Amino acid sequence: MPDRAGLFNDKDDFDVSGFAPKKPRAAASVAPPAEVVRSVSEGAFQSREAVDAVPQSIRTLRQRRRRTGRNLQLNLKASATWMEAFYKISDSQRWTLGETFERAIAALQRELNQK
């Protein structure tokens, strides 16, 4: 392969005089106004913004902190209706959430034992 150029052969200088930077292309079209883009995108794509599923009455609950000796946590999912009823019972009886839960379990056990 005698026609192949060597990598480290400095004998021949590479002529770059024929190269020139490209001229910038003219803008093919003008960008549409932001309002038009927003209206088209809102119609074409589904929003990923959070949906307010928690009622305002639950979000603005008062702090329920008392030293009760309860040190375990129970996290569960419930519908807004049942959460609101649970908080309403706790508030009306001035019970902590843990105490309301304990009483609810005790009442359920009594009901199941009667059957």
C-alpha atoms as a PDB file:
ATOM      1  CA  MET A   1       0.000   0.000   0.000  1.00  0.00           C
ATOM      2  CA  PRO A   2       2.396   2.659  -1.063  1.00  0.00           C
ATOM      3  CA  ASP A   3      -0.442   5.178  -1.866  1.00  0.00           C
ATOM      4  CA  ARG A   4      -1.538   5.444   1.735  1.00  0.00           C
ATOM      5  CA  ALA A   5      -0.488   8.596   3.601  1.00  0.00           C
ATOM      6  CA  GLY A   6       1.487   8.164   6.772  1.00  0.00           C
ATOM      7  CA  LEU A   7       0.111   9.499  10.025  1.00  0.00           C
ATOM      8  CA  PHE A   8       3.280  11.216  11.123  1.00  0.00           C
ATOM      9  CA  ASN A   9       4.552  12.270   7.746  1.00  0.00           C
ATOM     10  CA  ASP A  10       5.220  16.031   7.991  1.00  0.00           C
ATOM     11  CA  LYS A  11       6.630  16.304   4.489  1.00  0.00           C
ATOM     12  CA  ASP A  12       3.368  17.392   2.869  1.00  0.00           C
ATOM     13  CA  ASP A  13       1.440  20.341   4.273  1.00  0.00           C
ATOM     14  CA  PHE A  14      -2.315  20.066   4.109  1.00  0.00           C
ATOM     15  CA  ASP A  15      -3.757  22.893   2.030  1.00  0.00           C
ATOM     16  CA  VAL A  16      -6.894  24.387   3.640  1.00  0.00           C
ATOM     17  CA  SER A  17      -7.130  27.467   1.444  1.00  0.00           C
ATOM     18  CA  GLY A  18     -10.116  26.027  -0.447  1.00  0.00           C
ATOM     19  CA  PHE A  19     -12.217  25.761   2.703  1.00  0.00           C
ATOM     20  CA  ALA A  20     -14.413  28.608   3.924  1.00  0.00           C
ATOM     21  CA  PRO A  21     -17.065  28.876   6.627  1.00  0.00           C
ATOM     22  CA  LYS A  22     -20.635  28.311   5.548  1.00  0.00           C
ATOM     23  CA  LYS A  23     -22.854  31.308   5.160  1.00  0.00           C
ATOM     24  CA  PRO A  24     -25.740  31.418   7.638  1.00  0.00           C
ATOM     25  CA  ARG A  25     -29.019  30.251   6.203  1.00  0.00           C
ATOM     26  CA  ALA A  26     -31.884  32.669   6.051  1.00  0.00           C
ATOM     27  CA  ALA A  27     -34.716  31.831   8.437  1.00  0.00           C
ATOM     28  CA  ALA A  28     -37.198  29.675   6.561  1.00  0.00           C
ATOM     29  CA  SER A  29     -40.137  30.911   8.607  1.00  0.00           C
ATOM     30  CA  VAL A  30     -40.887  33.213  11.479  1.00  0.00           C
ATOM     31  CA  ALA A  31     -41.729  31.545  14.805  1.00  0.00           C
ATOM     32  CA  PRO A  32     -45.428  31.777  15.729  1.00  0.00           C
ATOM     33  CA  PRO A  33     -46.449  33.794  18.782  1.00  0.00           C
ATOM     34  CA  ALA A  34     -46.243  32.083  22.175  1.00  0.00           C
ATOM     35  CA  GLU A  35     -50.038  32.216  22.616  1.00  0.00           C
ATOM     36  CA  VAL A  36     -50.560  30.186  19.435  1.00  0.00           C
ATOM     37  CA  VAL A  37     -47.983  27.596  20.496  1.00  0.00           C
ATOM     38  CA  ARG A  38     -49.573  27.317  23.952  1.00  0.00           C
ATOM     39  CA  SER A  39     -53.098  26.839  22.585  1.00  0.00           C
ATOM     40  CA  VAL A  40     -51.973  24.174  20.126  1.00  0.00           C
ATOM     41  CA  SER A  41     -49.916  22.309  22.736  1.00  0.00           C
ATOM     42  CA  GLU A  42     -52.715  22.388  25.333  1.00  0.00           C
ATOM     43  CA  GLY A  43     -55.031  20.767  22.819  1.00  0.00           C
ATOM     44  CA  ALA A  44     -52.502  18.151  21.723  1.00  0.00           C
ATOM     45  CA  PHE A  45     -50.869  17.125  25.001  1.00  0.00           C
ATOM     46  CA  GLN A  46     -52.250  16.053  28.374  1.00  0.00           C
ATOM     47  CA  SER A  47     -51.134  18.177  31.314  1.00  0.00           C
ATOM     48  CA  ARG A  48     -48.887  16.592  33.944  1.00  0.00           C
ATOM     49  CA  GLU A  49     -49.758  19.142  36.595  1.00  0.00           C
ATOM     50  CA  ALA A  50     -50.972  17.731  39.880  1.00  0.00           C
ATOM     51  CA  VAL A  51     -54.695  17.410  40.365  1.00  0.00           C
ATOM     52  CA  ASP A  52     -55.958  18.704  43.697  1.00  0.00           C
ATOM     53  CA  ALA A  53     -57.452  15.477  45.064  1.00  0.00           C
ATOM     54  CA  VAL A  54     -57.234  16.366  48.754  1.00  0.00           C
ATOM     55  CA  PRO A  55     -60.085  18.594  49.955  1.00  0.00           C
ATOM     56  CA  GLN A  56     -59.261  21.929  51.548  1.00  0.00           C
ATOM     57  CA  SER A  57     -60.796  20.791  54.842  1.00  0.00           C
ATOM     58  CA  ILE A  58     -58.191  18.039  55.196  1.00  0.00           C
ATOM     59  CA  ARG A  59     -55.268  20.211  54.090  1.00  0.00           C
ATOM     60  CA  THR A  60     -55.912  22.840  56.757  1.00  0.00           C
ATOM     61  CA  LEU A  61     -56.036  20.505  59.737  1.00  0.00           C
ATOM     62  CA  ARG A  62     -54.776  21.687  63.079  1.00  0.00           C
ATOM     63  CA  GLN A  63     -51.696  20.121  64.623  1.00  0.00           C
ATOM     64  CA  ARG A  64     -52.549  17.024  66.643  1.00  0.00           C
ATOM     65  CA  ARG A  65     -49.442  16.476  68.746  1.00  0.00           C
ATOM     66  CA  ARG A  66     -49.608  15.102  72.256  1.00  0.00           C
ATOM     67  CA  ARG A  67     -47.283  12.815  74.137  1.00  0.00           C
ATOM     68  CA  THR A  68     -49.199   9.542  74.237  1.00  0.00           C
ATOM     69  CA  GLY A  69     -46.584   6.803  74.357  1.00  0.00           C
ATOM     70  CA  ARG A  70     -47.521   5.662  70.881  1.00  0.00           C
ATOM     71  CA  ASN A  71     -44.348   5.344  68.877  1.00  0.00           C
ATOM     72  CA  LEU A  72     -45.307   3.298  65.821  1.00  0.00           C
ATOM     73  CA  GLN A  73     -46.687   4.768  62.661  1.00  0.00           C
ATOM     74  CA  LEU A  74     -49.411   3.384  60.402  1.00  0.00           C
ATOM     75  CA  ASN A  75     -49.704   4.861  56.923  1.00  0.00           C
ATOM     76  CA  LEU A  76     -52.670   3.963  54.791  1.00  0.00           C
ATOM     77  CA  LYS A  77     -54.565   5.330  51.858  1.00  0.00           C
ATOM     78  CA  ALA A  78     -58.194   6.314  52.211  1.00  0.00           C
ATOM     79  CA  SER A  79     -60.703   8.262  50.207  1.00  0.00           C
ATOM     80  CA  ALA A  80     -61.282  11.885  51.104  1.00  0.00           C
ATOM     81  CA  THR A  81     -64.751  11.064  52.459  1.00  0.00           C
ATOM     82  CA  TRP A  82     -63.455   8.572  55.039  1.00  0.00           C
ATOM     83  CA  MET A  83     -60.512  10.733  56.020  1.00  0.00           C
ATOM     84  CA  GLU A  84     -62.806  13.674  56.601  1.00  0.00           C
ATOM     85  CA  ALA A  85     -65.146  11.518  58.724  1.00  0.00           C
ATOM     86  CA  PHE A  86     -62.193  10.183  60.735  1.00  0.00           C
ATOM     87  CA  TYR A  87     -60.870  13.681  61.425  1.00  0.00           C
ATOM     88  CA  LYS A  88     -64.372  14.952  62.249  1.00  0.00           C
ATOM     89  CA  ILE A  89     -64.806  12.225  64.894  1.00  0.00           C
ATOM     90  CA  SER A  90     -61.349  12.945  66.345  1.00  0.00           C
ATOM     91  CA  ASP A  91     -62.017  16.676  66.509  1.00  0.00           C
ATOM     92  CA  SER A  92     -65.506  16.393  67.976  1.00  0.00           C
ATOM     93  CA  GLN A  93     -64.350  14.042  70.753  1.00  0.00           C
ATOM     94  CA  ARG A  94     -61.017  15.835  71.248  1.00  0.00           C
ATOM     95  CA  TRP A  95     -59.163  12.558  70.725  1.00  0.00           C
ATOM     96  CA  THR A  96     -55.790  12.120  69.113  1.00  0.00           C
ATOM     97  CA  LEU A  97     -55.764  10.240  65.821  1.00  0.00           C
ATOM     98  CA  GLY A  98     -54.134   7.286  67.557  1.00  0.00           C
ATOM     99  CA  GLU A  99     -56.846   7.216  70.197  1.00  0.00           C
ATOM    100  CA  THR A 100     -59.561   7.388  67.552  1.00  0.00           C
ATOM    101  CA  PHE A 101     -57.906   4.516  65.704  1.00  0.00           C
ATOM    102  CA  GLU A 102     -57.667   2.421  68.877  1.00  0.00           C
ATOM    103  CA  ARG A 103     -61.327   3.027  69.695  1.00  0.00           C
ATOM    104  CA  ALA A 104     -62.364   2.169  66.136  1.00  0.00           C
ATOM    105  CA  ILE A 105     -60.436  -1.118  66.275  1.00  0.00           C
ATOM    106  CA  ALA A 106     -61.919  -1.942  69.697  1.00  0.00           C
ATOM    107  CA  ALA A 107     -65.440  -1.254  68.388  1.00  0.00           C
ATOM    108  CA  LEU A 108     -64.807  -3.424  65.319  1.00  0.00           C
ATOM    109  CA  GLN A 109     -63.514  -6.258  67.516  1.00  0.00           C
ATOM    110  CA  ARG A 110     -66.613  -6.044  69.736  1.00  0.00           C
ATOM    111  CA  GLU A 111     -68.837  -6.147  66.657  1.00  0.00           C
ATOM    112  CA  LEU A 112     -67.012  -9.154  65.200  1.00  0.00           C
ATOM    113  CA  ASN A 113     -67.103 -11.012  68.536  1.00  0.00           C
ATOM    114  CA  GLN A 114     -70.891 -10.577  68.748  1.00  0.00           C
ATOM    115  CA  LYS A 115     -71.423 -12.464  65.496  1.00  0.00           C
END
